[in-house]
């Protein structure tokens, strides 16, 4: 095979992977920080799941959230069993890892969503005007 054919195959595979991930993540509900804040005050009983590292969480976290780092989620998913009847809203630093976590949870039958923009946008939305 020529170098051009190999390059086209590689680019094609990258494109397929990207589009596949885009389609999967678009299926995950993403809430704005103001929506999550409203849900926390309302009767809906959502669970916030922080999927950042322990070090990131030690710096700052959303009060009342549960912590399971994304890298440990598959091994520790049983810890969420008692929350099966609740919507789980995952969050991370900027919103990328939380989408991955929500996809993992949805594959296991949980109702899961993501906090759009992560804790960065949460902090921005919570700041006093």
Protein backbone atom coordinates (compact mmCIF):
# COMPACT_ATOMS: atom_id res chain seq x y z
CA UNK A 1 0.00 0.00 0.00
CA UNK A 2 1.16 3.47 -0.71
CA UNK A 3 1.67 6.04 2.01
CA UNK A 4 -1.34 8.01 0.72
CA UNK A 5 -3.67 5.03 1.08
CA UNK A 6 -2.42 4.34 4.61
CA UNK A 7 -2.90 8.01 5.49
CA UNK A 8 -6.46 7.98 4.11
CA UNK A 9 -7.29 4.83 6.08
CA UNK A 10 -5.93 6.35 9.30
CA UNK A 11 -7.79 9.63 8.76
CA UNK A 12 -10.96 7.66 7.97
CA UNK A 13 -10.67 5.64 11.18
CA UNK A 14 -10.12 8.76 13.24
CA UNK A 15 -13.16 10.36 11.64
CA UNK A 16 -15.33 7.29 12.33
CA UNK A 17 -14.22 7.21 15.98
CA UNK A 18 -14.88 10.95 16.38
CA UNK A 19 -18.33 10.79 14.79
CA UNK A 20 -19.23 7.71 16.85
CA UNK A 21 -18.27 9.44 20.09
CA UNK A 22 -20.12 12.60 19.05
CA UNK A 23 -23.30 10.63 18.38
CA UNK A 24 -23.06 8.80 21.74
CA UNK A 25 -22.37 11.95 23.76
CA UNK A 26 -25.19 13.84 22.06
CA UNK A 27 -27.57 11.25 23.48
CA UNK A 28 -26.59 12.29 27.02
CA UNK A 29 -28.65 15.05 28.58
CA UNK A 30 -26.45 18.01 29.55
CA UNK A 31 -27.77 20.40 32.15
CA UNK A 32 -26.68 24.00 32.56
CA UNK A 33 -25.45 24.89 36.05
CA UNK A 34 -28.62 26.89 36.75
CA UNK A 35 -30.74 23.84 35.87
CA UNK A 36 -28.76 21.63 38.25
CA UNK A 37 -28.99 24.24 41.02
CA UNK A 38 -32.76 24.31 40.53
CA UNK A 39 -32.99 20.52 40.60
CA UNK A 40 -31.00 20.43 43.85
CA UNK A 41 -33.56 22.76 45.44
CA UNK A 42 -36.55 20.94 43.99
CA UNK A 43 -38.26 17.66 44.77
CA UNK A 44 -36.58 15.73 41.93
CA UNK A 45 -33.92 14.17 44.16
CA UNK A 46 -30.99 14.11 41.77
CA UNK A 47 -27.60 12.80 42.82
CA UNK A 48 -24.48 14.75 41.89
CA UNK A 49 -21.53 12.51 41.08
CA UNK A 50 -18.06 14.04 41.02
CA UNK A 51 -15.90 11.98 38.65
CA UNK A 52 -12.72 14.03 39.04
CA UNK A 53 -9.56 12.83 40.74
CA UNK A 54 -9.23 12.85 44.52
CA UNK A 55 -6.72 15.68 44.24
CA UNK A 56 -9.12 17.81 42.18
CA UNK A 57 -11.93 17.15 44.64
CA UNK A 58 -9.78 18.06 47.64
CA UNK A 59 -9.35 21.52 46.16
CA UNK A 60 -13.08 22.11 45.66
CA UNK A 61 -16.34 20.22 45.17
CA UNK A 62 -20.07 20.77 45.05
CA UNK A 63 -21.56 20.27 48.51
CA UNK A 64 -23.54 17.05 48.83
CA UNK A 65 -21.97 15.34 45.83
CA UNK A 66 -20.74 11.76 45.86
CA UNK A 67 -17.19 11.11 44.65
CA UNK A 68 -16.14 8.26 42.39
CA UNK A 69 -13.25 9.11 40.03
CA UNK A 70 -13.94 8.19 36.41
CA UNK A 71 -11.04 5.72 36.39
CA UNK A 72 -12.72 3.80 39.24
CA UNK A 73 -16.34 4.08 38.12
CA UNK A 74 -16.67 0.68 36.45
CA UNK A 75 -15.20 -1.11 39.50
CA UNK A 76 -17.25 0.91 41.99
CA UNK A 77 -20.56 1.21 40.12
CA UNK A 78 -22.18 -1.07 42.73
CA UNK A 79 -21.92 1.85 45.18
CA UNK A 80 -24.63 3.60 43.18
CA UNK A 81 -27.14 0.76 43.43
CA UNK A 82 -29.17 2.52 46.13
CA UNK A 83 -29.52 5.54 43.80
CA UNK A 84 -31.01 3.62 40.84
CA UNK A 85 -34.32 5.44 41.17
CA UNK A 86 -32.65 8.87 40.95
CA UNK A 87 -31.18 10.80 38.07
CA UNK A 88 -27.41 10.93 38.47
CA UNK A 89 -25.83 14.15 37.19
CA UNK A 90 -22.11 13.66 36.68
CA UNK A 91 -19.62 16.49 36.82
CA UNK A 92 -15.91 16.96 36.29
CA UNK A 93 -13.66 19.97 35.74
CA UNK A 94 -14.94 21.07 32.33
CA UNK A 95 -17.61 18.60 31.21
CA UNK A 96 -15.69 16.05 29.16
CA UNK A 97 -15.11 13.25 31.68
CA UNK A 98 -18.64 13.64 33.00
CA UNK A 99 -20.02 12.78 29.57
CA UNK A 100 -17.95 9.58 29.58
CA UNK A 101 -19.19 8.76 33.09
CA UNK A 102 -22.82 9.35 32.09
CA UNK A 103 -22.39 7.00 29.12
CA UNK A 104 -20.96 4.30 31.40
CA UNK A 105 -23.86 4.69 33.81
CA UNK A 106 -26.46 4.64 31.05
CA UNK A 107 -25.02 1.38 29.69
CA UNK A 108 -25.63 -0.09 33.15
CA UNK A 109 -29.25 1.08 33.20
CA UNK A 110 -28.91 4.24 35.26
CA UNK A 111 -30.62 7.50 34.39
CA UNK A 112 -27.56 9.71 33.96
CA UNK A 113 -26.79 13.20 32.71
CA UNK A 114 -23.87 15.62 32.72
CA UNK A 115 -23.26 19.08 34.13
CA UNK A 116 -22.39 21.14 31.05
CA UNK A 117 -19.11 22.99 31.53
CA UNK A 118 -18.29 21.12 34.73
CA UNK A 119 -17.35 22.77 37.99
CA UNK A 120 -15.77 25.64 36.05
CA UNK A 121 -19.16 26.75 34.70
CA UNK A 122 -20.81 25.89 38.03
CA UNK A 123 -18.50 28.32 39.82
CA UNK A 124 -19.12 30.99 37.20
CA UNK A 125 -22.89 30.59 37.51
CA UNK A 126 -22.79 30.63 41.34
CA UNK A 127 -20.73 33.81 41.65
CA UNK A 128 -22.45 36.82 43.18
CA UNK A 129 -23.44 39.51 40.70
